[in-house]
Each structure stands twice: as structure tokens, then as C-alpha cells.
Amino acid sequence: MQNDTELLRRAQVLLTLDYSLGQVREILLHEGFPEKDVHELIDTTEKSIKNVAPPKINEDKIVVDIKREMFDDDFDSPDLVIDRYSGRVQMLTPHLQETWRVANEIRKNIRQPGFF
């Protein structure tokens, strides 16, 4: 696939509008983008998503899922994972401002006795 910036831009817009990859593929094909390029872009995106695995969470971890008004409730990925013993806060969605805000509040409170 050559760098078709219009195809990439359109796919990004559709994905930010919460269309599934299958829907994005169909829309891009319907809009007349080359079939080979569309399939290659979607296949590469699917492979990239599969390579991103969430951390294994057990009873030694606390999972924090930040609810946001602007997002649908289907977004079931946790935002923060806190280790009960070390107090380490791992951000899974560092690109979101709310995650940083909540993580900083948790870090401040962890220092207080009796947090866990």
C-alpha cells in the first residue's frame, strides 16, 4: 500500500466515530478507495490491535475504570492498575487527561496510612 493520506485520514475519522473495523472497511470500499489498499490497511490495523494485550490482573491488583460522559459504556478497558503491595500505579490510557488526573490523586492518597 502506498501512503494514501486521504485513505488514512478517512479511516482515522471513522474509527474515532466508533465504527468497528468491519464497518470502516465497508465504508471505505463504498467510498471508492482501492480495495487492495483498504484490505491491507484494515488487516494491518487488526494485527496491531491483537498485539496490544492488556496486563494480567490478579487479586494483587486493583483495577480502576474511569467513566466518561463523552464515551459509550462499551469501552470496557480499564484505565489504571494499582499494585496492592508496592502501590505502583500503571496507566493503561495515558493519552487521556482524566487518567493522569485520577492517577495523580491516587498517588497522593497512597502515601496516607491505611489506604489499602
N, C-alpha and C. Protein backbone atom coordinates (compact mmCIF):
# COMPACT_ATOMS: atom_id res chain seq x y z
N MET A 1 0.85 -1.18 0.00
CA MET A 1 0.00 0.00 0.00
C MET A 1 0.89 1.24 0.00
N GLN A 2 0.61 2.11 -0.91
CA GLN A 2 1.33 3.37 -0.93
C GLN A 2 0.72 4.28 0.13
N ASN A 3 1.43 5.32 0.49
CA ASN A 3 0.94 6.24 1.51
C ASN A 3 -0.19 7.09 0.95
N ASP A 4 -1.39 6.57 1.01
CA ASP A 4 -2.57 7.31 0.59
C ASP A 4 -3.09 8.06 1.81
N THR A 5 -2.68 9.31 1.94
CA THR A 5 -3.03 10.08 3.13
C THR A 5 -4.53 10.29 3.27
N GLU A 6 -5.23 10.39 2.16
CA GLU A 6 -6.68 10.57 2.22
C GLU A 6 -7.35 9.32 2.79
N LEU A 7 -6.88 8.14 2.40
CA LEU A 7 -7.41 6.88 2.93
C LEU A 7 -7.14 6.78 4.43
N LEU A 8 -5.92 7.08 4.84
CA LEU A 8 -5.57 7.02 6.26
C LEU A 8 -6.38 8.02 7.08
N ARG A 9 -6.51 9.23 6.57
CA ARG A 9 -7.27 10.26 7.28
C ARG A 9 -8.73 9.86 7.43
N ARG A 10 -9.32 9.35 6.36
CA ARG A 10 -10.72 8.94 6.40
C ARG A 10 -10.93 7.77 7.37
N ALA A 11 -10.01 6.81 7.36
CA ALA A 11 -10.11 5.67 8.27
C ALA A 11 -10.00 6.15 9.72
N GLN A 12 -9.10 7.07 10.00
CA GLN A 12 -8.96 7.61 11.35
C GLN A 12 -10.23 8.30 11.80
N VAL A 13 -10.83 9.08 10.92
CA VAL A 13 -12.06 9.78 11.26
C VAL A 13 -13.16 8.77 11.59
N LEU A 14 -13.30 7.74 10.76
CA LEU A 14 -14.34 6.74 11.00
C LEU A 14 -14.11 5.98 12.30
N LEU A 15 -12.85 5.67 12.60
CA LEU A 15 -12.56 4.95 13.84
C LEU A 15 -12.82 5.81 15.07
N THR A 16 -12.57 7.11 14.97
CA THR A 16 -12.85 7.98 16.11
C THR A 16 -14.35 8.18 16.30
N LEU A 17 -15.13 7.89 15.27
CA LEU A 17 -16.59 7.96 15.38
C LEU A 17 -17.17 6.64 15.88
N ASP A 18 -16.30 5.76 16.38
CA ASP A 18 -16.69 4.47 16.98
C ASP A 18 -17.29 3.47 16.01
N TYR A 19 -16.89 3.52 14.75
CA TYR A 19 -17.26 2.45 13.82
C TYR A 19 -16.32 1.27 14.05
N SER A 20 -16.81 0.06 13.88
CA SER A 20 -15.95 -1.11 14.00
C SER A 20 -15.06 -1.20 12.76
N LEU A 21 -14.02 -2.03 12.85
CA LEU A 21 -13.12 -2.16 11.70
C LEU A 21 -13.85 -2.71 10.48
N GLY A 22 -14.77 -3.63 10.69
CA GLY A 22 -15.56 -4.16 9.58
C GLY A 22 -16.40 -3.09 8.90
N GLN A 23 -17.01 -2.23 9.71
CA GLN A 23 -17.80 -1.13 9.16
C GLN A 23 -16.91 -0.14 8.42
N VAL A 24 -15.73 0.14 8.98
CA VAL A 24 -14.80 1.07 8.33
C VAL A 24 -14.39 0.51 6.97
N ARG A 25 -14.10 -0.80 6.93
CA ARG A 25 -13.72 -1.44 5.66
C ARG A 25 -14.82 -1.24 4.62
N GLU A 26 -16.07 -1.53 5.01
CA GLU A 26 -17.19 -1.42 4.07
C GLU A 26 -17.41 0.03 3.61
N ILE A 27 -17.30 0.98 4.54
CA ILE A 27 -17.49 2.39 4.19
C ILE A 27 -16.41 2.85 3.22
N LEU A 28 -15.15 2.49 3.51
CA LEU A 28 -14.05 2.91 2.64
C LEU A 28 -14.19 2.31 1.24
N LEU A 29 -14.60 1.06 1.17
CA LEU A 29 -14.80 0.43 -0.14
C LEU A 29 -15.96 1.11 -0.87
N HIS A 30 -17.03 1.41 -0.14
CA HIS A 30 -18.19 2.07 -0.74
C HIS A 30 -17.82 3.47 -1.25
N GLU A 31 -16.88 4.13 -0.57
CA GLU A 31 -16.46 5.47 -0.97
C GLU A 31 -15.47 5.46 -2.13
N GLY A 32 -15.08 4.25 -2.59
CA GLY A 32 -14.27 4.15 -3.79
C GLY A 32 -12.77 4.06 -3.60
N PHE A 33 -12.32 3.85 -2.39
CA PHE A 33 -10.89 3.67 -2.19
C PHE A 33 -10.48 2.31 -2.76
N PRO A 34 -9.23 2.17 -3.23
CA PRO A 34 -8.78 0.90 -3.83
C PRO A 34 -8.93 -0.26 -2.85
N GLU A 35 -9.54 -1.35 -3.33
CA GLU A 35 -9.84 -2.50 -2.49
C GLU A 35 -8.59 -3.07 -1.83
N LYS A 36 -7.53 -3.19 -2.60
CA LYS A 36 -6.28 -3.75 -2.07
C LYS A 36 -5.75 -2.91 -0.91
N ASP A 37 -5.75 -1.59 -1.08
CA ASP A 37 -5.25 -0.69 -0.04
C ASP A 37 -6.12 -0.74 1.22
N VAL A 38 -7.43 -0.79 1.03
CA VAL A 38 -8.35 -0.83 2.16
C VAL A 38 -8.14 -2.11 2.96
N HIS A 39 -8.09 -3.26 2.27
CA HIS A 39 -7.91 -4.53 2.96
C HIS A 39 -6.56 -4.57 3.68
N GLU A 40 -5.53 -4.06 3.05
CA GLU A 40 -4.21 -4.06 3.68
C GLU A 40 -4.21 -3.18 4.93
N LEU A 41 -4.84 -2.01 4.86
CA LEU A 41 -4.90 -1.10 6.00
C LEU A 41 -5.68 -1.74 7.16
N ILE A 42 -6.82 -2.31 6.88
CA ILE A 42 -7.65 -2.91 7.92
C ILE A 42 -6.96 -4.14 8.52
N ASP A 43 -6.36 -4.98 7.68
CA ASP A 43 -5.66 -6.16 8.18
C ASP A 43 -4.49 -5.78 9.07
N THR A 44 -3.74 -4.78 8.67
CA THR A 44 -2.61 -4.30 9.48
C THR A 44 -3.10 -3.73 10.80
N THR A 45 -4.19 -3.01 10.77
CA THR A 45 -4.76 -2.45 11.99
C THR A 45 -5.21 -3.55 12.93
N GLU A 46 -5.87 -4.59 12.40
CA GLU A 46 -6.31 -5.71 13.22
C GLU A 46 -5.13 -6.42 13.87
N LYS A 47 -4.05 -6.63 13.12
CA LYS A 47 -2.87 -7.28 13.67
C LYS A 47 -2.26 -6.43 14.78
N SER A 48 -2.23 -5.12 14.59
CA SER A 48 -1.68 -4.23 15.61
C SER A 48 -2.50 -4.28 16.89
N ILE A 49 -3.81 -4.31 16.75
CA ILE A 49 -4.69 -4.35 17.91
C ILE A 49 -4.51 -5.66 18.67
N LYS A 50 -4.35 -6.76 17.95
CA LYS A 50 -4.18 -8.06 18.60
C LYS A 50 -2.87 -8.15 19.36
N ASN A 51 -1.86 -7.39 18.93
CA ASN A 51 -0.56 -7.41 19.60
C ASN A 51 -0.55 -6.63 20.90
N VAL A 52 -1.54 -5.79 21.09
CA VAL A 52 -1.63 -5.00 22.31
C VAL A 52 -2.50 -5.78 23.29
N ALA A 53 -1.87 -6.41 24.24
CA ALA A 53 -2.60 -7.23 25.21
C ALA A 53 -2.67 -6.50 26.54
N PRO A 54 -3.82 -6.54 27.18
CA PRO A 54 -3.91 -5.90 28.49
C PRO A 54 -3.09 -6.69 29.51
N PRO A 55 -2.64 -6.04 30.55
CA PRO A 55 -1.84 -6.75 31.55
C PRO A 55 -2.69 -7.79 32.27
N LYS A 56 -2.03 -8.85 32.74
CA LYS A 56 -2.75 -9.85 33.51
C LYS A 56 -3.06 -9.27 34.88
N ILE A 57 -4.30 -9.40 35.28
CA ILE A 57 -4.75 -8.81 36.53
C ILE A 57 -5.15 -9.94 37.47
N ASN A 58 -4.62 -9.90 38.69
CA ASN A 58 -4.97 -10.91 39.68
C ASN A 58 -5.42 -10.22 40.96
N GLU A 59 -5.55 -10.99 42.04
CA GLU A 59 -6.06 -10.43 43.30
C GLU A 59 -5.08 -9.44 43.94
N ASP A 60 -3.85 -9.37 43.45
CA ASP A 60 -2.87 -8.43 43.99
C ASP A 60 -2.98 -7.05 43.34
N LYS A 61 -3.92 -6.90 42.42
CA LYS A 61 -4.07 -5.65 41.68
C LYS A 61 -5.46 -5.06 41.90
N ILE A 62 -5.52 -3.76 41.85
CA ILE A 62 -6.79 -3.04 41.87
C ILE A 62 -6.94 -2.40 40.50
N VAL A 63 -8.08 -2.62 39.89
CA VAL A 63 -8.34 -2.09 38.55
C VAL A 63 -9.27 -0.89 38.67
N VAL A 64 -8.92 0.20 37.99
CA VAL A 64 -9.73 1.40 38.01
C VAL A 64 -10.21 1.68 36.59
N ASP A 65 -11.52 1.78 36.44
CA ASP A 65 -12.12 2.10 35.15
C ASP A 65 -12.80 3.45 35.30
N ILE A 66 -12.28 4.46 34.63
CA ILE A 66 -12.82 5.81 34.73
C ILE A 66 -13.99 5.94 33.77
N LYS A 67 -15.15 6.32 34.30
CA LYS A 67 -16.33 6.53 33.46
C LYS A 67 -16.30 7.95 32.91
N ARG A 68 -16.54 8.05 31.63
CA ARG A 68 -16.54 9.35 30.96
C ARG A 68 -17.87 9.56 30.29
N GLU A 69 -18.37 10.77 30.36
CA GLU A 69 -19.66 11.07 29.75
C GLU A 69 -19.60 11.04 28.23
N MET A 70 -18.47 11.44 27.67
CA MET A 70 -18.40 11.57 26.21
C MET A 70 -18.19 10.25 25.49
N PHE A 71 -17.87 9.17 26.23
CA PHE A 71 -17.65 7.88 25.61
C PHE A 71 -18.80 6.95 25.92
N ASP A 72 -19.02 5.98 25.05
CA ASP A 72 -20.03 4.97 25.30
C ASP A 72 -19.57 4.05 26.41
N ASP A 73 -20.52 3.34 27.01
CA ASP A 73 -20.18 2.40 28.07
C ASP A 73 -19.58 1.12 27.52
N ASP A 74 -19.51 0.94 26.19
CA ASP A 74 -18.96 -0.30 25.63
C ASP A 74 -17.44 -0.35 25.81
N PHE A 75 -16.82 0.76 26.14
CA PHE A 75 -15.37 0.80 26.28
C PHE A 75 -15.01 0.19 27.62
N ASP A 76 -14.76 -1.13 27.62
CA ASP A 76 -14.57 -1.86 28.86
C ASP A 76 -13.13 -2.02 29.28
N SER A 77 -12.24 -1.29 28.70
CA SER A 77 -10.84 -1.42 29.07
C SER A 77 -10.56 -0.61 30.32
N PRO A 78 -9.85 -1.19 31.29
CA PRO A 78 -9.51 -0.41 32.49
C PRO A 78 -8.52 0.70 32.15
N ASP A 79 -8.52 1.74 32.97
CA ASP A 79 -7.63 2.87 32.74
C ASP A 79 -6.38 2.80 33.60
N LEU A 80 -6.52 2.27 34.81
CA LEU A 80 -5.40 2.21 35.75
C LEU A 80 -5.36 0.84 36.41
N VAL A 81 -4.16 0.39 36.73
CA VAL A 81 -3.97 -0.82 37.53
C VAL A 81 -3.04 -0.44 38.67
N ILE A 82 -3.47 -0.73 39.90
CA ILE A 82 -2.70 -0.40 41.08
C ILE A 82 -2.26 -1.69 41.75
N ASP A 83 -0.98 -1.80 42.04
CA ASP A 83 -0.46 -2.96 42.76
C ASP A 83 -0.72 -2.75 44.25
N ARG A 84 -1.39 -3.70 44.88
CA ARG A 84 -1.76 -3.57 46.29
C ARG A 84 -0.55 -3.50 47.22
N TYR A 85 0.53 -4.14 46.85
CA TYR A 85 1.68 -4.23 47.75
C TYR A 85 2.69 -3.11 47.53
N SER A 86 3.00 -2.83 46.28
CA SER A 86 4.01 -1.80 46.02
C SER A 86 3.40 -0.41 45.88
N GLY A 87 2.11 -0.34 45.59
CA GLY A 87 1.46 0.96 45.37
C GLY A 87 1.73 1.53 44.00
N ARG A 88 2.36 0.76 43.14
CA ARG A 88 2.69 1.23 41.79
C ARG A 88 1.40 1.42 40.99
N VAL A 89 1.28 2.57 40.34
CA VAL A 89 0.12 2.88 39.51
C VAL A 89 0.54 2.79 38.05
N GLN A 90 -0.11 1.89 37.32
CA GLN A 90 0.19 1.72 35.90
C GLN A 90 -0.97 2.31 35.08
N MET A 91 -0.67 3.25 34.19
CA MET A 91 -1.69 3.87 33.36
C MET A 91 -1.82 3.11 32.05
N LEU A 92 -3.03 2.63 31.76
CA LEU A 92 -3.27 1.92 30.51
C LEU A 92 -3.78 2.85 29.43
N THR A 93 -4.28 4.01 29.81
CA THR A 93 -4.74 5.00 28.84
C THR A 93 -4.08 6.35 29.12
N PRO A 94 -2.75 6.42 28.98
CA PRO A 94 -2.05 7.67 29.32
C PRO A 94 -2.35 8.82 28.37
N HIS A 95 -2.96 8.54 27.24
CA HIS A 95 -3.28 9.59 26.28
C HIS A 95 -4.50 10.42 26.71
N LEU A 96 -5.19 9.97 27.76
CA LEU A 96 -6.37 10.69 28.23
C LEU A 96 -6.04 11.52 29.47
N GLN A 97 -6.47 12.75 29.48
CA GLN A 97 -6.17 13.67 30.57
C GLN A 97 -6.78 13.19 31.90
N GLU A 98 -7.97 12.59 31.85
CA GLU A 98 -8.61 12.12 33.07
C GLU A 98 -7.77 11.05 33.76
N THR A 99 -7.09 10.22 32.98
CA THR A 99 -6.26 9.16 33.54
C THR A 99 -5.14 9.76 34.37
N TRP A 100 -4.51 10.79 33.85
CA TRP A 100 -3.41 11.44 34.58
C TRP A 100 -3.94 12.07 35.87
N ARG A 101 -5.09 12.72 35.78
CA ARG A 101 -5.66 13.39 36.95
C ARG A 101 -5.98 12.37 38.04
N VAL A 102 -6.65 11.28 37.68
CA VAL A 102 -7.01 10.25 38.66
C VAL A 102 -5.75 9.57 39.20
N ALA A 103 -4.78 9.27 38.34
CA ALA A 103 -3.54 8.63 38.79
C ALA A 103 -2.80 9.51 39.80
N ASN A 104 -2.75 10.81 39.55
CA ASN A 104 -2.09 11.72 40.48
C ASN A 104 -2.81 11.77 41.83
N GLU A 105 -4.14 11.76 41.81
CA GLU A 105 -4.90 11.75 43.06
C GLU A 105 -4.66 10.46 43.83
N ILE A 106 -4.61 9.34 43.13
CA ILE A 106 -4.36 8.06 43.78
C ILE A 106 -2.96 8.05 44.39
N ARG A 107 -1.97 8.54 43.65
CA ARG A 107 -0.60 8.58 44.17
C ARG A 107 -0.51 9.41 45.45
N LYS A 108 -1.23 10.54 45.47
CA LYS A 108 -1.23 11.38 46.67
C LYS A 108 -1.83 10.63 47.85
N ASN A 109 -2.92 9.93 47.61
CA ASN A 109 -3.63 9.24 48.68
C ASN A 109 -2.94 7.97 49.14
N ILE A 110 -2.18 7.33 48.27
CA ILE A 110 -1.49 6.10 48.64
C ILE A 110 -0.49 6.38 49.77
N ARG A 111 0.08 7.55 49.79
CA ARG A 111 1.07 7.91 50.82
C ARG A 111 0.44 7.99 52.21
N GLN A 112 -0.89 8.15 52.26
CA GLN A 112 -1.56 8.26 53.55
C GLN A 112 -1.70 6.87 54.19
N PRO A 113 -1.51 6.76 55.50
CA PRO A 113 -1.64 5.45 56.16
C PRO A 113 -3.06 4.93 56.05
N GLY A 114 -3.18 3.61 55.89
CA GLY A 114 -4.48 2.96 55.84
C GLY A 114 -5.17 3.03 54.49
N PHE A 115 -4.44 3.37 53.45
CA PHE A 115 -5.06 3.46 52.13
C PHE A 115 -5.57 2.11 51.67
N PHE A 116 -4.77 1.06 51.89
CA PHE A 116 -5.18 -0.27 51.43
C PHE A 116 -5.83 -1.01 52.55
